[in-house]
Every structure is written in C-alpha cells, then in structure tokens.
Amino acid sequence: MTLQLSDLTKQVILAASISLAPALLHGADADADADVQDAKIAEVMAPTDITESYVMPVWVDQVQRVCPWRSNAGEGYIRLIRSEHDGRHGIILQWIRKGIAGAPTQAISTIAVTELDTTYHVRVKMPEPELSDYACYLTAMGEDMMTEQRYKFDWILKGPGEYEFHATHMLNGGM
C-alpha cells in the first residue's frame, strides 16, 4: 500500500519539520535560529502568484455593483458590501471613481451604515437598487435576530459619502 501526499501536505510537513528540528536538537538555543527558520518556512509556503491566493475576507458576505453616479469630483459606480458578524448583517457603501487617462479605479468614499450596527441587530436581504434622475434608491427587508420583528430599510444615495437611512417597522398581520 502506497501513501500519496498532495503538494500542500508535503509543504506543511516540510514547514513543520523545519520549525521543530532546531528546538528538538538544541533546546533553548533554538530561539536564535527561529527567525532564520521562519524565513525558510515563509519561502516554502509562499504562493507563486498572489492573484491565485486572494480570497475575500470572511466577514464579507456579498458584494454588488448597484448604481452609477456623477458629480463634480468625477463619475463612477456605487458598490454595496454586505458583511456578516455574529450572525447579523451590516451594509457598507462604497463610491468607486473611474480612473482618467489610464489611472486605476479607486474607492473615494467608504461608509458603514452605522444604524444597522447600533440600533438594528438584523439579518438583511441584499438591497434592491432603483435609479432615478437625482439619486439611487435602495430597499431591503430585514428581521431582528432576537424578536423576529421585520423591517423595511430604505437608503437614498447621492454623491460620494452622502446617504439617508430610513427604517419602517412592519406590523404583524393577524385575524
């Protein structure tokens, strides 16, 4: 029976053996060699191409490009980032400006909707956009994590960094 190891498993075993060998052989003197050994481990474990290893942060739940914008500062689009922390959602608004003459696009304003972090501890559906002549309107339904109270959230997004937030308590129906 032959045991076959993947390349990643081989790298992990090699890294562990490189880091443990000095401690086993030299005891307390191993601390002096720790920096050299750490550099060797980093070299073994380093990916060859950083774009292959890029992964979204674990707190990012969903990202969506919603509406274009234009102002004296330039033009671009609005990006919504829904985050998740302790089972509840937060919304981050980002105004992305298109580059001019080959310059890269860049975020010129990033704002977390603080009302969702401080007042409403909810799980929120990703907001639905609606573009008008003067603003981008976002609408989303949310549910409180403790009381199961439902809400309708509305945002009015204007120029970079400008937004209004409105929350409506949905009444429970019954007979």
C-alpha atoms as a PDB file:
ATOM      1  CA  MET A   1       0.000   0.000   0.000  1.00  0.00           C
ATOM      2  CA  THR A   2       1.470   3.352  -1.055  1.00  0.00           C
ATOM      3  CA  LEU A   3       0.610   6.608   0.721  1.00  0.00           C
ATOM      4  CA  GLN A   4       0.431   9.576  -1.629  1.00  0.00           C
ATOM      5  CA  LEU A   5       0.584  13.117  -0.284  1.00  0.00           C
ATOM      6  CA  SER A   6      -0.574  16.248  -2.071  1.00  0.00           C
ATOM      7  CA  ASP A   7       1.867  19.118  -2.643  1.00  0.00           C
ATOM      8  CA  LEU A   8       0.202  21.193   0.085  1.00  0.00           C
ATOM      9  CA  THR A   9       0.505  18.349   2.592  1.00  0.00           C
ATOM     10  CA  LYS A  10       4.179  17.933   1.701  1.00  0.00           C
ATOM     11  CA  GLN A  11       4.750  21.669   2.195  1.00  0.00           C
ATOM     12  CA  VAL A  12       3.041  21.633   5.602  1.00  0.00           C
ATOM     13  CA  ILE A  13       5.068  18.616   6.754  1.00  0.00           C
ATOM     14  CA  LEU A  14       8.285  20.213   5.490  1.00  0.00           C
ATOM     15  CA  ALA A  15       7.465  23.505   7.221  1.00  0.00           C
ATOM     16  CA  ALA A  16       6.680  21.746  10.492  1.00  0.00           C
ATOM     17  CA  SER A  17       9.883  19.709  10.371  1.00  0.00           C
ATOM     18  CA  ILE A  18      11.978  22.805   9.603  1.00  0.00           C
ATOM     19  CA  SER A  19      10.458  24.699  12.522  1.00  0.00           C
ATOM     20  CA  LEU A  20      10.624  21.838  15.048  1.00  0.00           C
ATOM     21  CA  ALA A  21      14.088  20.458  14.243  1.00  0.00           C
ATOM     22  CA  PRO A  22      16.165  23.187  15.990  1.00  0.00           C
ATOM     23  CA  ALA A  23      14.018  23.035  19.113  1.00  0.00           C
ATOM     24  CA  LEU A  24      14.472  19.285  19.359  1.00  0.00           C
ATOM     25  CA  LEU A  25      18.207  19.365  18.688  1.00  0.00           C
ATOM     26  CA  HIS A  26      19.320  22.466  20.570  1.00  0.00           C
ATOM     27  CA  GLY A  27      16.655  23.156  23.214  1.00  0.00           C
ATOM     28  CA  ALA A  28      16.888  26.764  24.466  1.00  0.00           C
ATOM     29  CA  ASP A  29      19.373  27.780  21.742  1.00  0.00           C
ATOM     30  CA  ALA A  30      16.625  27.324  19.169  1.00  0.00           C
ATOM     31  CA  ASP A  31      15.273  30.859  19.721  1.00  0.00           C
ATOM     32  CA  ALA A  32      18.303  32.371  17.994  1.00  0.00           C
ATOM     33  CA  ASP A  33      17.635  30.330  14.866  1.00  0.00           C
ATOM     34  CA  ALA A  34      13.870  30.930  14.949  1.00  0.00           C
ATOM     35  CA  ASP A  35      13.980  33.971  12.648  1.00  0.00           C
ATOM     36  CA  VAL A  36      16.041  32.110  10.050  1.00  0.00           C
ATOM     37  CA  GLN A  37      13.720  29.128  10.238  1.00  0.00           C
ATOM     38  CA  ASP A  38      10.628  31.358   9.936  1.00  0.00           C
ATOM     39  CA  ALA A  39      12.096  32.866   6.767  1.00  0.00           C
ATOM     40  CA  LYS A  40      12.609  29.365   5.337  1.00  0.00           C
ATOM     41  CA  ILE A  41       9.035  28.400   6.190  1.00  0.00           C
ATOM     42  CA  ALA A  42       7.691  31.566   4.559  1.00  0.00           C
ATOM     43  CA  GLU A  43       9.710  30.788   1.430  1.00  0.00           C
ATOM     44  CA  VAL A  44       8.364  27.232   1.240  1.00  0.00           C
ATOM     45  CA  MET A  45       4.744  28.234   1.906  1.00  0.00           C
ATOM     46  CA  ALA A  46       4.678  31.390  -0.257  1.00  0.00           C
ATOM     47  CA  PRO A  47       2.348  31.181  -3.272  1.00  0.00           C
ATOM     48  CA  THR A  48       3.905  31.738  -6.662  1.00  0.00           C
ATOM     49  CA  ASP A  49       1.243  34.200  -7.783  1.00  0.00           C
ATOM     50  CA  ILE A  50      -0.612  36.404  -5.293  1.00  0.00           C
ATOM     51  CA  THR A  51      -3.722  36.608  -7.511  1.00  0.00           C
ATOM     52  CA  GLU A  52      -4.147  32.844  -7.210  1.00  0.00           C
ATOM     53  CA  SER A  53      -4.311  33.004  -3.415  1.00  0.00           C
ATOM     54  CA  TYR A  54      -6.582  36.067  -2.982  1.00  0.00           C
ATOM     55  CA  VAL A  55      -9.789  35.297  -1.101  1.00  0.00           C
ATOM     56  CA  MET A  56     -12.443  37.725   0.132  1.00  0.00           C
ATOM     57  CA  PRO A  57     -12.328  38.398   3.885  1.00  0.00           C
ATOM     58  CA  VAL A  58     -14.528  36.060   5.917  1.00  0.00           C
ATOM     59  CA  TRP A  59     -16.718  38.921   7.126  1.00  0.00           C
ATOM     60  CA  VAL A  60     -17.750  39.828   3.554  1.00  0.00           C
ATOM     61  CA  ASP A  61     -20.988  38.035   2.773  1.00  0.00           C
ATOM     62  CA  GLN A  62     -21.906  39.519  -0.616  1.00  0.00           C
ATOM     63  CA  VAL A  63     -20.765  42.328  -2.934  1.00  0.00           C
ATOM     64  CA  GLN A  64     -22.877  44.011  -5.598  1.00  0.00           C
ATOM     65  CA  ARG A  65     -22.429  46.913  -8.025  1.00  0.00           C
ATOM     66  CA  VAL A  66     -25.692  48.868  -7.960  1.00  0.00           C
ATOM     67  CA  CYS A  67     -25.892  52.367  -9.461  1.00  0.00           C
ATOM     68  CA  PRO A  68     -23.776  54.811 -11.444  1.00  0.00           C
ATOM     69  CA  TRP A  69     -23.065  58.269 -10.023  1.00  0.00           C
ATOM     70  CA  ARG A  70     -21.727  61.537 -11.390  1.00  0.00           C
ATOM     71  CA  SER A  71     -20.590  64.697  -9.622  1.00  0.00           C
ATOM     72  CA  ASN A  72     -18.002  67.471  -9.938  1.00  0.00           C
ATOM     73  CA  ALA A  73     -15.452  65.067  -8.389  1.00  0.00           C
ATOM     74  CA  GLY A  74     -15.858  62.607 -11.241  1.00  0.00           C
ATOM     75  CA  GLU A  75     -18.038  59.654 -12.106  1.00  0.00           C
ATOM     76  CA  GLY A  76     -18.220  56.019 -11.222  1.00  0.00           C
ATOM     77  CA  TYR A  77     -20.481  53.493  -9.567  1.00  0.00           C
ATOM     78  CA  ILE A  78     -21.704  52.520  -6.104  1.00  0.00           C
ATOM     79  CA  ARG A  79     -20.699  49.195  -4.599  1.00  0.00           C
ATOM     80  CA  LEU A  80     -22.666  47.523  -1.797  1.00  0.00           C
ATOM     81  CA  ILE A  81     -20.861  45.208   0.580  1.00  0.00           C
ATOM     82  CA  ARG A  82     -22.951  43.100   2.932  1.00  0.00           C
ATOM     83  CA  SER A  83     -20.952  41.956   5.934  1.00  0.00           C
ATOM     84  CA  GLU A  84     -21.755  39.277   8.479  1.00  0.00           C
ATOM     85  CA  HIS A  85     -20.717  39.351  12.128  1.00  0.00           C
ATOM     86  CA  ASP A  86     -22.133  37.140  14.879  1.00  0.00           C
ATOM     87  CA  GLY A  87     -24.998  36.098  12.599  1.00  0.00           C
ATOM     88  CA  ARG A  88     -26.177  39.624  11.809  1.00  0.00           C
ATOM     89  CA  HIS A  89     -25.610  41.692   8.710  1.00  0.00           C
ATOM     90  CA  GLY A  90     -24.164  45.103   8.124  1.00  0.00           C
ATOM     91  CA  ILE A  91     -24.066  47.194   4.956  1.00  0.00           C
ATOM     92  CA  ILE A  92     -21.047  49.120   3.699  1.00  0.00           C
ATOM     93  CA  LEU A  93     -21.494  51.683   0.913  1.00  0.00           C
ATOM     94  CA  GLN A  94     -18.592  52.459  -1.400  1.00  0.00           C
ATOM     95  CA  TRP A  95     -18.387  55.100  -4.109  1.00  0.00           C
ATOM     96  CA  ILE A  96     -15.907  53.948  -6.744  1.00  0.00           C
ATOM     97  CA  ARG A  97     -14.446  56.578  -9.090  1.00  0.00           C
ATOM     98  CA  LYS A  98     -13.405  55.596 -12.592  1.00  0.00           C
ATOM     99  CA  GLY A  99      -9.829  56.456 -13.449  1.00  0.00           C
ATOM    100  CA  ILE A 100      -8.957  59.078 -16.054  1.00  0.00           C
ATOM    101  CA  ALA A 101      -6.348  58.591 -18.778  1.00  0.00           C
ATOM    102  CA  GLY A 102      -5.306  55.132 -17.659  1.00  0.00           C
ATOM    103  CA  ALA A 103      -5.422  55.800 -13.922  1.00  0.00           C
ATOM    104  CA  PRO A 104      -6.876  52.941 -11.873  1.00  0.00           C
ATOM    105  CA  THR A 105     -10.384  53.000 -10.465  1.00  0.00           C
ATOM    106  CA  GLN A 106     -10.429  53.667  -6.742  1.00  0.00           C
ATOM    107  CA  ALA A 107     -12.804  53.952  -3.806  1.00  0.00           C
ATOM    108  CA  ILE A 108     -13.154  57.609  -2.897  1.00  0.00           C
ATOM    109  CA  SER A 109     -15.697  57.137  -0.112  1.00  0.00           C
ATOM    110  CA  THR A 110     -16.462  54.120   2.061  1.00  0.00           C
ATOM    111  CA  ILE A 111     -19.157  54.352   4.729  1.00  0.00           C
ATOM    112  CA  ALA A 112     -20.578  51.683   7.017  1.00  0.00           C
ATOM    113  CA  VAL A 113     -24.297  52.081   7.723  1.00  0.00           C
ATOM    114  CA  THR A 114     -23.908  52.588  11.471  1.00  0.00           C
ATOM    115  CA  GLU A 115     -27.646  52.351  12.135  1.00  0.00           C
ATOM    116  CA  LEU A 116     -27.513  48.621  11.383  1.00  0.00           C
ATOM    117  CA  ASP A 117     -24.685  48.158  13.879  1.00  0.00           C
ATOM    118  CA  THR A 118     -26.046  50.307  16.708  1.00  0.00           C
ATOM    119  CA  THR A 119     -29.854  50.317  16.533  1.00  0.00           C
ATOM    120  CA  TYR A 120     -30.954  47.350  14.454  1.00  0.00           C
ATOM    121  CA  HIS A 121     -29.316  43.959  15.015  1.00  0.00           C
ATOM    122  CA  VAL A 122     -30.799  42.286  11.957  1.00  0.00           C
ATOM    123  CA  ARG A 123     -30.241  39.900   9.112  1.00  0.00           C
ATOM    124  CA  VAL A 124     -30.848  41.839   5.891  1.00  0.00           C
ATOM    125  CA  LYS A 125     -31.539  40.746   2.345  1.00  0.00           C
ATOM    126  CA  MET A 126     -29.195  42.343  -0.163  1.00  0.00           C
ATOM    127  CA  PRO A 127     -30.769  45.733  -1.045  1.00  0.00           C
ATOM    128  CA  GLU A 128     -32.505  46.123  -4.401  1.00  0.00           C
ATOM    129  CA  PRO A 129     -31.460  49.261  -6.333  1.00  0.00           C
ATOM    130  CA  GLU A 130     -33.657  51.679  -8.238  1.00  0.00           C
ATOM    131  CA  LEU A 131     -32.056  54.525 -10.167  1.00  0.00           C
ATOM    132  CA  SER A 132     -33.798  57.894 -10.543  1.00  0.00           C
ATOM    133  CA  ASP A 133     -32.688  61.186 -12.066  1.00  0.00           C
ATOM    134  CA  TYR A 134     -31.395  62.524  -8.732  1.00  0.00           C
ATOM    135  CA  ALA A 135     -30.370  59.568  -6.582  1.00  0.00           C
ATOM    136  CA  CYS A 136     -30.006  55.823  -6.198  1.00  0.00           C
ATOM    137  CA  TYR A 137     -32.691  54.271  -4.001  1.00  0.00           C
ATOM    138  CA  LEU A 138     -32.058  51.009  -2.183  1.00  0.00           C
ATOM    139  CA  THR A 139     -34.704  48.894  -0.466  1.00  0.00           C
ATOM    140  CA  ALA A 140     -34.196  45.808   1.684  1.00  0.00           C
ATOM    141  CA  MET A 141     -36.172  43.708   4.125  1.00  0.00           C
ATOM    142  CA  GLY A 142     -34.639  42.749   7.458  1.00  0.00           C
ATOM    143  CA  GLU A 143     -35.516  40.699  10.510  1.00  0.00           C
ATOM    144  CA  ASP A 144     -34.396  41.305  14.088  1.00  0.00           C
ATOM    145  CA  MET A 145     -32.298  38.411  15.361  1.00  0.00           C
ATOM    146  CA  MET A 146     -33.874  38.316  18.830  1.00  0.00           C
ATOM    147  CA  THR A 147     -37.500  39.425  18.453  1.00  0.00           C
ATOM    148  CA  GLU A 148     -38.068  38.426  14.806  1.00  0.00           C
ATOM    149  CA  GLN A 149     -39.546  41.906  14.208  1.00  0.00           C
ATOM    150  CA  ARG A 150     -39.486  42.675  10.490  1.00  0.00           C
ATOM    151  CA  TYR A 151     -38.308  45.948   8.995  1.00  0.00           C
ATOM    152  CA  LYS A 152     -38.167  47.640   5.638  1.00  0.00           C
ATOM    153  CA  PHE A 153     -34.968  49.622   5.152  1.00  0.00           C
ATOM    154  CA  ASP A 154     -34.598  52.396   2.583  1.00  0.00           C
ATOM    155  CA  TRP A 155     -31.453  54.251   1.583  1.00  0.00           C
ATOM    156  CA  ILE A 156     -31.184  57.314  -0.629  1.00  0.00           C
ATOM    157  CA  LEU A 157     -27.661  57.520  -2.058  1.00  0.00           C
ATOM    158  CA  LYS A 158     -26.459  60.730  -3.644  1.00  0.00           C
ATOM    159  CA  GLY A 159     -22.924  61.976  -4.266  1.00  0.00           C
ATOM    160  CA  PRO A 160     -19.851  60.357  -2.722  1.00  0.00           C
ATOM    161  CA  GLY A 161     -20.369  59.845   1.010  1.00  0.00           C
ATOM    162  CA  GLU A 162     -23.949  61.149   1.077  1.00  0.00           C
ATOM    163  CA  TYR A 163     -26.805  58.883   2.109  1.00  0.00           C
ATOM    164  CA  GLU A 164     -30.066  58.945   4.039  1.00  0.00           C
ATOM    165  CA  PHE A 165     -31.336  55.947   6.007  1.00  0.00           C
ATOM    166  CA  HIS A 166     -34.982  55.186   6.820  1.00  0.00           C
ATOM    167  CA  ALA A 167     -36.436  52.209   8.694  1.00  0.00           C
ATOM    168  CA  THR A 168     -40.088  51.138   8.756  1.00  0.00           C
ATOM    169  CA  HIS A 169     -41.393  48.677  11.369  1.00  0.00           C
ATOM    170  CA  MET A 170     -43.573  46.114   9.620  1.00  0.00           C
ATOM    171  CA  LEU A 171     -46.718  45.231  11.606  1.00  0.00           C
ATOM    172  CA  ASN A 172     -47.634  41.621  12.204  1.00  0.00           C
ATOM    173  CA  GLY A 173     -50.835  40.662  10.450  1.00  0.00           C
ATOM    174  CA  GLY A 174     -53.481  38.594  12.140  1.00  0.00           C
ATOM    175  CA  MET A 175     -57.137  37.886  12.458  1.00  0.00           C
END
